[in-house]
Amino acid sequence: MTSALRPARVTAWLTQWQAIVPLLVAEFVVWLGFGGLLPVLPLYFTEQGVDLATLGLVIAAWPAARLVSEPIFGWIADRTARVPLMVIGLAATGIFGALPLLLTTPLAFVLLRAGAGLSAAIYDPAARGLLTNATPPGKRGEAFGLYGAAQMGGLLIGPAIGAFGADHFGGIGFVFVFSAVAAFASAALIGLRVREAPGRTHPAPSPDSTEFPPDSAALTRRAAADIDADRAGADDAAAPSSLWNRGLIAVIVINAGGYYAGGTYEVIWSLFLTGLGASLAFVGLTFAMFGLPVLLFSPIAGKIVDKRGSFAFIIVGSLLPAICGILYTRLSSPEPAVLLILVEATGFAFLNPALYAVVAANSPPGRSSTAQGLFGAAGTLGFIVASLGAGLLAEGDILLPFYVFSTVLLSSLVIGLLIGGPRLRGRPDPVPKAVAPEVAT
C-alpha cells in the first residue's frame, strides 16, 4: 500500500510545482558547475602569481559588477520577458567562466570575474522574480526553500565531479570547462522548458510604477499577471505600495551581513584549510558538506516559514554562522571544520528561505524582480566589502577575517531587527483600516 502511494505522491508534488520544476532543475545543473569551481578559484589564482591583497580585488570584481547592474536588470526583468534574460545571463556565465584558462594576468582575472558578475546580475533577479510570481503567496517560503535546496544539491555533488574530472581528465582545466558546460546546459533548459503565464487583466497604474506607451500591450499583460499572482490568496493582508518599506529594508541589511560571510570565505577558506594541512580533495569536501544541510533543511524550513513566519528562523539562521566563525579560529587541524560547517550551513538553511519570504511579502505588486534586485544588490555589497577586506586582513593574520565577519553578521542582525521588528515575520503588513475603503475603490 505504501509503495503504491509513492508514485501518486510524486505525481502530486510535480503537479503542484510544475511551473517551477524546470527552473529548479536548471539551478541544480548550474550549481554543479559552481560547486566544482568554487574550491579551486583562490588556489588557481594564487598559483598564477596573484597575492592575497590582489586576490581580494579579483574576488570582489564579481560582486562589484553585480552590485552596479543587478538593480538595473531587476527593473528590466519586471518590464520585459524574463526567460530571454535568464538564457543570456547563463550563456554569458559559461563564457566568462571558461576564459580564465586562456587569459591569466591579474587584470584579465579582474575583468573576467566582473563579466561573470554581470552575467549573474542578468540572470538572478529574473529567476527569483519568476519564482515569486509563479508561486502562491502561501507557498513562497517553501518554493524558495526548494530553490535553495536545488542550488545546494549542485554544490554538494559538484566538488566530487570536479575532483574526479581533475584527476582523470587534464587537471584543474577540467573544472573550468565543466562549469562552463553546466551553465550552457542550464541556459538550454531554461530556454526550452521555462514559461511565464500570460496576463488576463489590465492593471490600473500606480504611483510607484513606470508608465509605458499605449502600444506596450505585452508589458501590460505581464504586469497584470504579476499583480494577480502577488494578490492571489491574500485575504487579510496587502502588499506594500512602495519598495522602500521597513520589512524590505530590514532584510536588505541582514542579507548584506550574511553575504559578508560569503565574501570572506571565498577569499580565505581554501587557503585557511590548506594552511592547516588539508588537501584539495578535503577542501572540496567542506564545500560539499556546506551544501548538505541546505539541501535537506531548506524546503522544510521554508514550509514552516509559510505557516509560522520568518522571525525565529532569521535569528537562529544568523546566530549559528556567527558562532561558527569564532570557533573556526580555534582549530589546529582541518578535520573538525567538517562538523562546524554542517552547523553553519544549517543556519543558512534556516536563514535564506526566511529572508526570501520576507522579500516576497514586502514586494509591491508587479515589482517582485525589482525588489529581488535590490535585495541581491545589498548582499553583493556585503560580499564586495568582505572580499576586499579579507585579503588585506589575511595578510596580517589569516584568522582576523573570521572575527570580523562574525561581528558584522551579528551587527546586521541587530540592526535588521530594530528596523523590521514584526515585519520580519514573512507576511505583508495589513492594510490600515482608515485607508482600506479608499484602496477598495
Protein backbone atom coordinates (compact mmCIF):
# COMPACT_ATOMS: atom_id res chain seq x y z
CA MET A 1 0.00 0.00 0.00
CA THR A 2 2.80 2.39 0.96
CA SER A 3 4.76 1.67 -2.23
CA ALA A 4 1.61 2.24 -4.28
CA LEU A 5 1.17 5.67 -2.72
CA ARG A 6 4.69 6.87 -3.57
CA PRO A 7 4.12 7.37 -7.32
CA ALA A 8 0.92 9.23 -6.51
CA ARG A 9 2.77 11.50 -4.09
CA VAL A 10 5.49 12.17 -6.63
CA THR A 11 2.87 12.96 -9.25
CA ALA A 12 1.04 15.27 -6.85
CA TRP A 13 4.30 17.03 -5.97
CA LEU A 14 5.21 17.51 -9.63
CA THR A 15 1.72 18.81 -10.36
CA GLN A 16 1.91 21.28 -7.50
CA TRP A 17 5.32 22.63 -8.55
CA GLN A 18 5.17 22.05 -12.30
CA ALA A 19 5.56 25.76 -13.05
CA ILE A 20 8.96 25.93 -11.32
CA VAL A 21 10.39 22.39 -11.71
CA PRO A 22 12.37 23.27 -14.87
CA LEU A 23 13.83 26.28 -13.06
CA LEU A 24 14.80 24.11 -10.09
CA VAL A 25 16.49 21.58 -12.37
CA ALA A 26 18.39 24.37 -14.15
CA GLU A 27 19.55 25.76 -10.80
CA PHE A 28 20.80 22.33 -9.79
CA VAL A 29 22.76 21.93 -13.04
CA VAL A 30 24.40 25.35 -13.00
CA TRP A 31 25.35 24.89 -9.35
CA LEU A 32 27.05 21.63 -10.25
CA GLY A 33 29.47 23.82 -12.18
CA PHE A 34 29.73 26.38 -9.37
CA GLY A 35 30.33 23.59 -6.87
CA GLY A 36 33.20 22.22 -8.90
CA LEU A 37 34.73 25.66 -9.43
CA LEU A 38 34.45 27.42 -6.07
CA PRO A 39 37.04 25.38 -4.12
CA VAL A 40 39.74 25.83 -6.76
CA LEU A 41 39.36 29.51 -7.70
CA PRO A 42 41.51 31.06 -4.93
CA LEU A 43 44.13 28.32 -5.30
CA TYR A 44 44.23 28.71 -9.08
CA PHE A 45 44.56 32.49 -8.90
CA THR A 46 47.39 32.33 -6.35
CA GLU A 47 49.16 29.68 -8.44
CA GLN A 48 49.11 32.21 -11.29
CA GLY A 49 51.03 34.71 -9.13
CA VAL A 50 48.16 36.68 -7.56
CA ASP A 51 48.98 37.83 -3.99
CA LEU A 52 46.40 37.92 -1.20
CA ALA A 53 45.59 41.63 -1.49
CA THR A 54 45.12 41.33 -5.25
CA LEU A 55 43.16 38.11 -4.75
CA GLY A 56 40.64 40.10 -2.73
CA LEU A 57 40.33 42.52 -5.64
CA VAL A 58 39.84 39.67 -8.12
CA ILE A 59 37.17 38.06 -5.96
CA ALA A 60 35.49 41.44 -5.37
CA ALA A 61 35.21 42.12 -9.12
CA TRP A 62 32.37 39.58 -9.41
CA PRO A 63 30.10 41.16 -6.80
CA ALA A 64 31.12 44.70 -7.78
CA ALA A 65 29.78 44.21 -11.29
CA ARG A 66 26.69 42.59 -9.84
CA LEU A 67 26.14 45.43 -7.37
CA VAL A 68 26.03 48.03 -10.12
CA SER A 69 23.93 46.02 -12.56
CA GLU A 70 21.57 43.80 -10.54
CA PRO A 71 19.03 46.52 -9.61
CA ILE A 72 19.03 47.63 -13.25
CA PHE A 73 18.36 44.15 -14.56
CA GLY A 74 15.76 43.60 -11.85
CA TRP A 75 13.98 46.71 -13.12
CA ILE A 76 14.28 45.44 -16.70
CA ALA A 77 13.03 41.97 -15.73
CA ASP A 78 9.80 43.48 -14.38
CA ARG A 79 9.20 45.15 -17.72
CA THR A 80 10.15 42.56 -20.30
CA ALA A 81 10.18 38.80 -20.80
CA ARG A 82 12.25 37.15 -18.08
CA VAL A 83 13.18 33.91 -19.87
CA PRO A 84 15.42 35.53 -22.53
CA LEU A 85 17.26 37.44 -19.79
CA MET A 86 17.83 34.20 -17.90
CA VAL A 87 19.17 32.44 -21.01
CA ILE A 88 21.52 35.32 -21.87
CA GLY A 89 22.81 35.50 -18.30
CA LEU A 90 23.56 31.78 -18.09
CA ALA A 91 25.22 31.64 -21.51
CA ALA A 92 27.46 34.59 -20.61
CA THR A 93 28.26 32.87 -17.30
CA GLY A 94 29.59 29.89 -19.22
CA ILE A 95 31.77 32.05 -21.45
CA PHE A 96 33.30 34.14 -18.68
CA GLY A 97 33.72 31.05 -16.51
CA ALA A 98 35.99 29.27 -19.00
CA LEU A 99 38.14 32.19 -20.17
CA PRO A 100 40.47 32.29 -17.08
CA LEU A 101 42.16 29.23 -18.58
CA LEU A 102 43.24 31.34 -21.56
CA LEU A 103 43.71 34.81 -20.05
CA THR A 104 45.87 34.52 -16.94
CA THR A 105 47.07 38.01 -15.96
CA PRO A 106 45.74 39.67 -12.78
CA LEU A 107 43.98 42.35 -14.87
CA ALA A 108 42.36 39.66 -17.02
CA PHE A 109 41.16 37.84 -13.89
CA VAL A 110 39.56 41.06 -12.59
CA LEU A 111 37.79 41.75 -15.88
CA LEU A 112 36.62 38.15 -16.35
CA ARG A 113 35.27 37.92 -12.83
CA ALA A 114 33.47 41.22 -13.42
CA GLY A 115 31.96 39.75 -16.58
CA ALA A 116 30.80 36.72 -14.61
CA GLY A 117 29.19 39.01 -12.03
CA LEU A 118 27.38 40.94 -14.74
CA SER A 119 26.09 37.65 -16.14
CA ALA A 120 24.73 36.63 -12.75
CA ALA A 121 23.04 40.03 -12.40
CA ILE A 122 21.22 39.44 -15.69
CA TYR A 123 20.00 36.02 -14.59
CA ASP A 124 19.26 36.08 -10.87
CA PRO A 125 16.61 38.82 -10.41
CA ALA A 126 14.68 37.47 -13.38
CA ALA A 127 14.81 33.93 -11.98
CA ARG A 128 13.74 34.93 -8.47
CA GLY A 129 11.02 37.24 -9.80
CA LEU A 130 9.67 34.44 -11.97
CA LEU A 131 9.73 32.09 -8.98
CA THR A 132 7.87 34.64 -6.86
CA ASN A 133 5.11 35.21 -9.40
CA ALA A 134 4.75 31.52 -10.29
CA THR A 135 4.10 30.59 -6.65
CA PRO A 136 1.04 31.32 -4.45
CA PRO A 137 1.85 33.67 -1.53
CA GLY A 138 1.21 30.90 1.00
CA LYS A 139 3.81 28.65 -0.66
CA ARG A 140 6.65 31.08 -1.34
CA GLY A 141 8.75 30.15 1.69
CA GLU A 142 8.63 26.52 0.62
CA ALA A 143 9.31 27.45 -3.01
CA PHE A 144 12.44 29.38 -2.09
CA GLY A 145 13.44 26.53 0.20
CA LEU A 146 13.26 24.20 -2.81
CA TYR A 147 15.19 26.77 -4.84
CA GLY A 148 17.96 26.85 -2.24
CA ALA A 149 17.93 23.06 -1.99
CA ALA A 150 18.40 22.76 -5.77
CA GLN A 151 21.39 25.08 -5.57
CA MET A 152 22.94 23.25 -2.66
CA GLY A 153 22.30 19.89 -4.28
CA GLY A 154 24.56 21.05 -7.09
CA LEU A 155 27.08 22.39 -4.59
CA LEU A 156 27.03 19.04 -2.82
CA ILE A 157 27.79 16.97 -5.92
CA GLY A 158 29.78 19.48 -7.98
CA PRO A 159 33.05 19.30 -5.99
CA ALA A 160 33.11 15.50 -6.31
CA ILE A 161 32.64 15.73 -10.08
CA GLY A 162 35.29 18.45 -10.29
CA ALA A 163 37.81 16.46 -8.24
CA PHE A 164 37.21 13.27 -10.24
CA GLY A 165 37.49 15.11 -13.55
CA ALA A 166 40.64 16.95 -12.48
CA ASP A 167 42.26 13.64 -11.54
CA HIS A 168 41.30 11.82 -14.74
CA PHE A 169 40.77 14.44 -17.48
CA GLY A 170 43.53 17.00 -17.61
CA GLY A 171 43.89 18.63 -14.20
CA ILE A 172 42.34 21.86 -12.99
CA GLY A 173 41.34 22.91 -16.50
CA PHE A 174 38.58 20.30 -16.43
CA VAL A 175 36.84 22.17 -13.62
CA PHE A 176 36.59 25.40 -15.62
CA VAL A 177 35.31 23.57 -18.70
CA PHE A 178 32.81 21.59 -16.64
CA SER A 179 31.50 24.80 -15.05
CA ALA A 180 31.01 26.38 -18.47
CA VAL A 181 29.22 23.31 -19.85
CA ALA A 182 26.87 23.26 -16.84
CA ALA A 183 25.96 26.93 -17.44
CA PHE A 184 25.27 26.32 -21.14
CA ALA A 185 23.14 23.27 -20.31
CA SER A 186 21.11 25.31 -17.82
CA ALA A 187 20.60 28.06 -20.40
CA ALA A 188 19.26 25.50 -22.88
CA LEU A 189 16.90 24.02 -20.28
CA ILE A 190 15.55 27.44 -19.30
CA GLY A 191 15.01 28.42 -22.92
CA LEU A 192 13.23 25.20 -23.81
CA ARG A 193 11.18 24.43 -20.71
CA VAL A 194 10.51 27.54 -18.60
CA ARG A 195 7.40 29.52 -19.49
CA GLU A 196 5.74 32.58 -17.98
CA ALA A 197 1.97 32.69 -17.58
CA PRO A 198 0.27 35.36 -19.74
CA GLY A 199 -1.75 38.10 -18.06
CA ARG A 200 -5.53 38.16 -18.19
CA THR A 201 -6.39 41.66 -16.98
CA HIS A 202 -5.18 45.22 -17.31
CA PRO A 203 -3.99 46.74 -14.05
CA ALA A 204 -4.64 50.32 -13.06
CA PRO A 205 -1.47 52.41 -12.94
CA SER A 206 0.03 53.05 -9.51
CA PRO A 207 2.19 55.96 -8.29
CA ASP A 208 5.12 53.58 -7.77
CA SER A 209 5.08 52.16 -11.30
CA THR A 210 6.58 53.35 -14.56
CA GLU A 211 4.12 54.20 -17.35
CA PHE A 212 4.69 52.85 -20.85
CA PRO A 213 3.30 53.90 -24.23
CA PRO A 214 -0.24 52.70 -25.04
CA ASP A 215 1.08 50.15 -27.54
CA SER A 216 3.06 48.25 -24.86
CA ALA A 217 0.36 45.57 -24.59
CA ALA A 218 2.77 42.74 -23.77
CA LEU A 219 4.19 44.66 -20.83
CA THR A 220 0.71 45.49 -19.58
CA ARG A 221 -0.28 41.82 -19.67
CA ARG A 222 2.92 40.83 -17.86
CA ALA A 223 2.38 43.44 -15.16
CA ALA A 224 -1.21 42.26 -14.76
CA ALA A 225 -0.07 38.68 -14.35
CA ASP A 226 2.46 39.69 -11.72
CA ILE A 227 -0.12 41.71 -9.81
CA ASP A 228 -2.63 38.87 -9.94
CA ALA A 229 0.00 36.44 -8.65
CA ASP A 230 1.05 38.78 -5.85
CA ARG A 231 -2.52 39.37 -4.71
CA ALA A 232 -3.83 35.83 -5.02
CA GLY A 233 -4.83 34.32 -1.72
CA ALA A 234 -4.23 37.46 0.35
CA ASP A 235 -7.38 37.73 2.45
CA ASP A 236 -6.36 39.81 5.42
CA ALA A 237 -3.15 41.40 4.22
CA ALA A 238 -1.95 43.51 1.35
CA ALA A 239 1.46 44.03 -0.19
CA PRO A 240 3.03 47.45 0.39
CA SER A 241 2.69 50.14 -2.26
CA SER A 242 6.33 51.26 -2.03
CA LEU A 243 9.58 49.36 -2.39
CA TRP A 244 11.12 51.27 0.50
CA ASN A 245 9.16 49.73 3.35
CA ARG A 246 10.62 48.69 6.69
CA GLY A 247 10.29 44.95 6.07
CA LEU A 248 12.30 45.06 2.86
CA ILE A 249 14.89 47.46 4.27
CA ALA A 250 15.40 45.19 7.29
CA VAL A 251 16.11 42.05 5.24
CA ILE A 252 18.36 44.06 2.92
CA VAL A 253 20.53 44.90 5.96
CA ILE A 254 20.54 41.30 7.21
CA ASN A 255 21.32 39.96 3.74
CA ALA A 256 24.32 42.28 3.49
CA GLY A 257 25.67 40.77 6.71
CA GLY A 258 25.11 37.22 5.53
CA TYR A 259 26.89 37.84 2.25
CA TYR A 260 29.77 39.46 4.12
CA ALA A 261 30.40 35.97 5.45
CA GLY A 262 30.27 34.56 1.92
CA GLY A 263 32.79 37.08 0.63
CA THR A 264 35.15 36.28 3.48
CA TYR A 265 35.01 32.56 2.83
CA GLU A 266 35.53 32.83 -0.92
CA VAL A 267 38.84 34.64 -0.36
CA ILE A 268 40.35 32.76 2.57
CA TRP A 269 38.59 29.42 3.14
CA SER A 270 40.63 27.25 0.77
CA LEU A 271 43.85 28.97 1.86
CA PHE A 272 42.91 28.63 5.55
CA LEU A 273 42.31 24.89 5.26
CA THR A 274 45.40 24.16 3.17
CA GLY A 275 47.36 26.11 5.78
CA LEU A 276 46.09 23.59 8.34
CA GLY A 277 47.34 20.75 6.12
CA ALA A 278 44.15 19.96 4.18
CA SER A 279 44.31 18.51 0.67
CA LEU A 280 42.38 19.93 -2.29
CA ALA A 281 40.03 16.95 -2.06
CA PHE A 282 39.31 17.79 1.60
CA VAL A 283 38.66 21.43 0.71
CA GLY A 284 36.17 20.25 -1.89
CA LEU A 285 34.56 18.01 0.74
CA THR A 286 33.92 21.00 3.00
CA PHE A 287 32.12 22.82 0.18
CA ALA A 288 30.02 19.71 -0.38
CA MET A 289 29.25 19.46 3.33
CA PHE A 290 28.04 23.05 3.29
CA GLY A 291 25.51 22.07 0.66
CA LEU A 292 24.15 19.06 2.56
CA PRO A 293 22.16 20.79 5.36
CA VAL A 294 20.83 23.40 2.94
CA LEU A 295 19.68 20.62 0.62
CA LEU A 296 17.97 18.73 3.45
CA PHE A 297 16.58 21.52 5.59
CA SER A 298 15.77 24.47 3.31
CA PRO A 299 12.48 23.02 1.96
CA ILE A 300 11.42 22.03 5.48
CA ALA A 301 12.35 25.44 6.88
CA GLY A 302 10.51 27.14 4.02
CA LYS A 303 7.35 25.14 4.71
CA ILE A 304 7.45 26.11 8.40
CA VAL A 305 8.10 29.73 7.46
CA ASP A 306 4.92 29.68 5.36
CA LYS A 307 2.94 28.57 8.42
CA ARG A 308 4.61 30.37 11.32
CA GLY A 309 6.57 33.24 9.81
CA SER A 310 10.25 34.06 9.33
CA PHE A 311 11.20 35.82 12.56
CA ALA A 312 12.70 32.94 14.57
CA PHE A 313 14.44 31.46 11.53
CA ILE A 314 16.15 34.78 10.79
CA ILE A 315 17.51 34.98 14.34
CA VAL A 316 18.73 31.38 14.59
CA GLY A 317 19.97 31.41 11.00
CA SER A 318 22.18 34.42 11.73
CA LEU A 319 23.47 33.27 15.11
CA LEU A 320 24.75 29.84 14.05
CA PRO A 321 27.17 31.10 11.35
CA ALA A 322 28.41 33.89 13.61
CA ILE A 323 29.23 31.42 16.39
CA CYS A 324 30.94 29.05 13.98
CA GLY A 325 33.05 31.92 12.65
CA ILE A 326 34.61 32.30 16.09
CA LEU A 327 35.06 28.55 16.56
CA TYR A 328 36.99 28.22 13.29
CA THR A 329 39.76 30.32 14.80
CA ARG A 330 40.31 27.63 17.47
CA LEU A 331 41.06 24.83 15.01
CA SER A 332 44.54 23.29 14.91
CA SER A 333 43.69 20.66 12.27
CA PRO A 334 41.25 20.69 9.35
CA GLU A 335 39.07 17.70 10.30
CA PRO A 336 36.80 19.43 12.89
CA ALA A 337 35.92 22.02 10.25
CA VAL A 338 33.53 19.49 8.70
CA LEU A 339 31.34 19.42 11.81
CA LEU A 340 31.38 23.19 12.19
CA ILE A 341 30.50 23.77 8.58
CA LEU A 342 27.49 21.47 8.93
CA VAL A 343 26.26 23.60 11.84
CA GLU A 344 26.96 26.83 9.97
CA ALA A 345 25.22 25.61 6.83
CA THR A 346 22.18 24.63 8.91
CA GLY A 347 21.98 28.28 9.96
CA PHE A 348 21.98 29.43 6.35
CA ALA A 349 19.41 26.74 5.50
CA PHE A 350 17.11 28.43 8.03
CA LEU A 351 18.04 32.00 7.10
CA ASN A 352 17.72 32.07 3.32
CA PRO A 353 14.11 30.91 2.79
CA ALA A 354 13.06 33.11 5.70
CA LEU A 355 14.63 36.20 4.12
CA TYR A 356 13.23 35.41 0.68
CA ALA A 357 9.75 35.02 2.17
CA VAL A 358 10.02 38.49 3.73
CA VAL A 359 11.19 39.97 0.43
CA ALA A 360 8.27 38.37 -1.42
CA ALA A 361 5.77 39.54 1.21
CA ASN A 362 7.10 43.10 1.10
CA SER A 363 7.34 43.43 -2.69
CA PRO A 364 4.75 45.79 -4.22
CA PRO A 365 2.55 44.15 -6.88
CA GLY A 366 4.36 43.97 -10.20
CA ARG A 367 7.72 44.87 -8.64
CA SER A 368 8.96 41.48 -7.45
CA SER A 369 12.08 41.35 -9.65
CA THR A 370 12.98 44.93 -8.73
CA ALA A 371 12.72 44.05 -5.03
CA GLN A 372 14.79 40.92 -5.60
CA GLY A 373 17.37 43.00 -7.44
CA LEU A 374 17.69 45.43 -4.53
CA PHE A 375 17.84 42.57 -2.05
CA GLY A 376 20.53 40.83 -4.09
CA ALA A 377 22.49 44.07 -4.54
CA ALA A 378 22.66 44.52 -0.77
CA GLY A 379 24.13 41.05 -0.38
CA THR A 380 26.53 41.80 -3.18
CA LEU A 381 27.71 44.95 -1.42
CA GLY A 382 28.44 42.92 1.71
CA PHE A 383 30.31 40.41 -0.43
CA ILE A 384 32.45 43.16 -2.03
CA VAL A 385 33.42 44.74 1.26
CA ALA A 386 34.31 41.33 2.68
CA SER A 387 36.34 40.32 -0.38
CA LEU A 388 38.44 43.46 -0.27
CA GLY A 389 38.84 43.45 3.50
CA ALA A 390 39.50 39.74 3.94
CA GLY A 391 42.51 39.77 1.63
CA LEU A 392 44.07 42.70 3.47
CA LEU A 393 43.30 41.27 6.91
CA ALA A 394 44.60 37.84 5.95
CA GLU A 395 47.98 39.28 5.01
CA GLY A 396 48.40 40.15 8.67
CA ASP A 397 46.67 37.10 10.19
CA ILE A 398 44.53 34.51 8.40
CA LEU A 399 42.25 34.36 11.49
CA LEU A 400 41.29 38.05 11.58
CA PRO A 401 38.66 37.81 8.80
CA PHE A 402 36.73 35.23 10.86
CA TYR A 403 36.43 37.57 13.85
CA VAL A 404 35.35 40.45 11.64
CA PHE A 405 32.69 38.52 9.72
CA SER A 406 31.12 37.21 12.95
CA THR A 407 30.93 40.76 14.27
CA VAL A 408 29.40 42.06 11.04
CA LEU A 409 26.83 39.25 10.90
CA LEU A 410 25.66 39.87 14.48
CA SER A 411 25.55 43.63 13.95
CA SER A 412 23.46 43.33 10.79
CA LEU A 413 21.03 41.04 12.62
CA VAL A 414 20.55 43.53 15.47
CA ILE A 415 20.09 46.47 13.08
CA GLY A 416 17.66 44.48 10.94
CA LEU A 417 15.60 43.51 13.97
CA LEU A 418 15.42 47.13 15.10
CA ILE A 419 14.28 48.29 11.67
CA GLY A 420 11.89 45.49 10.77
CA GLY A 421 10.54 44.23 14.07
CA PRO A 422 7.32 42.24 13.49
CA ARG A 423 7.54 42.91 9.77
CA LEU A 424 10.18 40.17 9.64
CA ARG A 425 7.51 37.54 10.14
CA GLY A 426 7.39 36.98 6.35
CA ARG A 427 3.90 38.29 5.65
CA PRO A 428 2.86 41.67 4.23
CA ASP A 429 1.59 44.35 6.54
CA PRO A 430 -2.16 44.65 7.00
CA VAL A 431 -3.83 47.49 5.13
CA PRO A 432 -4.60 50.29 7.63
CA LYS A 433 -8.31 50.42 8.35
CA ALA A 434 -8.50 54.13 7.74
CA VAL A 435 -7.45 53.82 4.12
CA ALA A 436 -8.98 50.44 3.29
CA PRO A 437 -12.20 51.88 1.74
CA GLU A 438 -10.15 54.23 -0.45
CA VAL A 439 -7.95 51.37 -1.68
CA ALA A 440 -11.01 49.24 -2.45
CA THR A 441 -12.40 51.94 -4.68
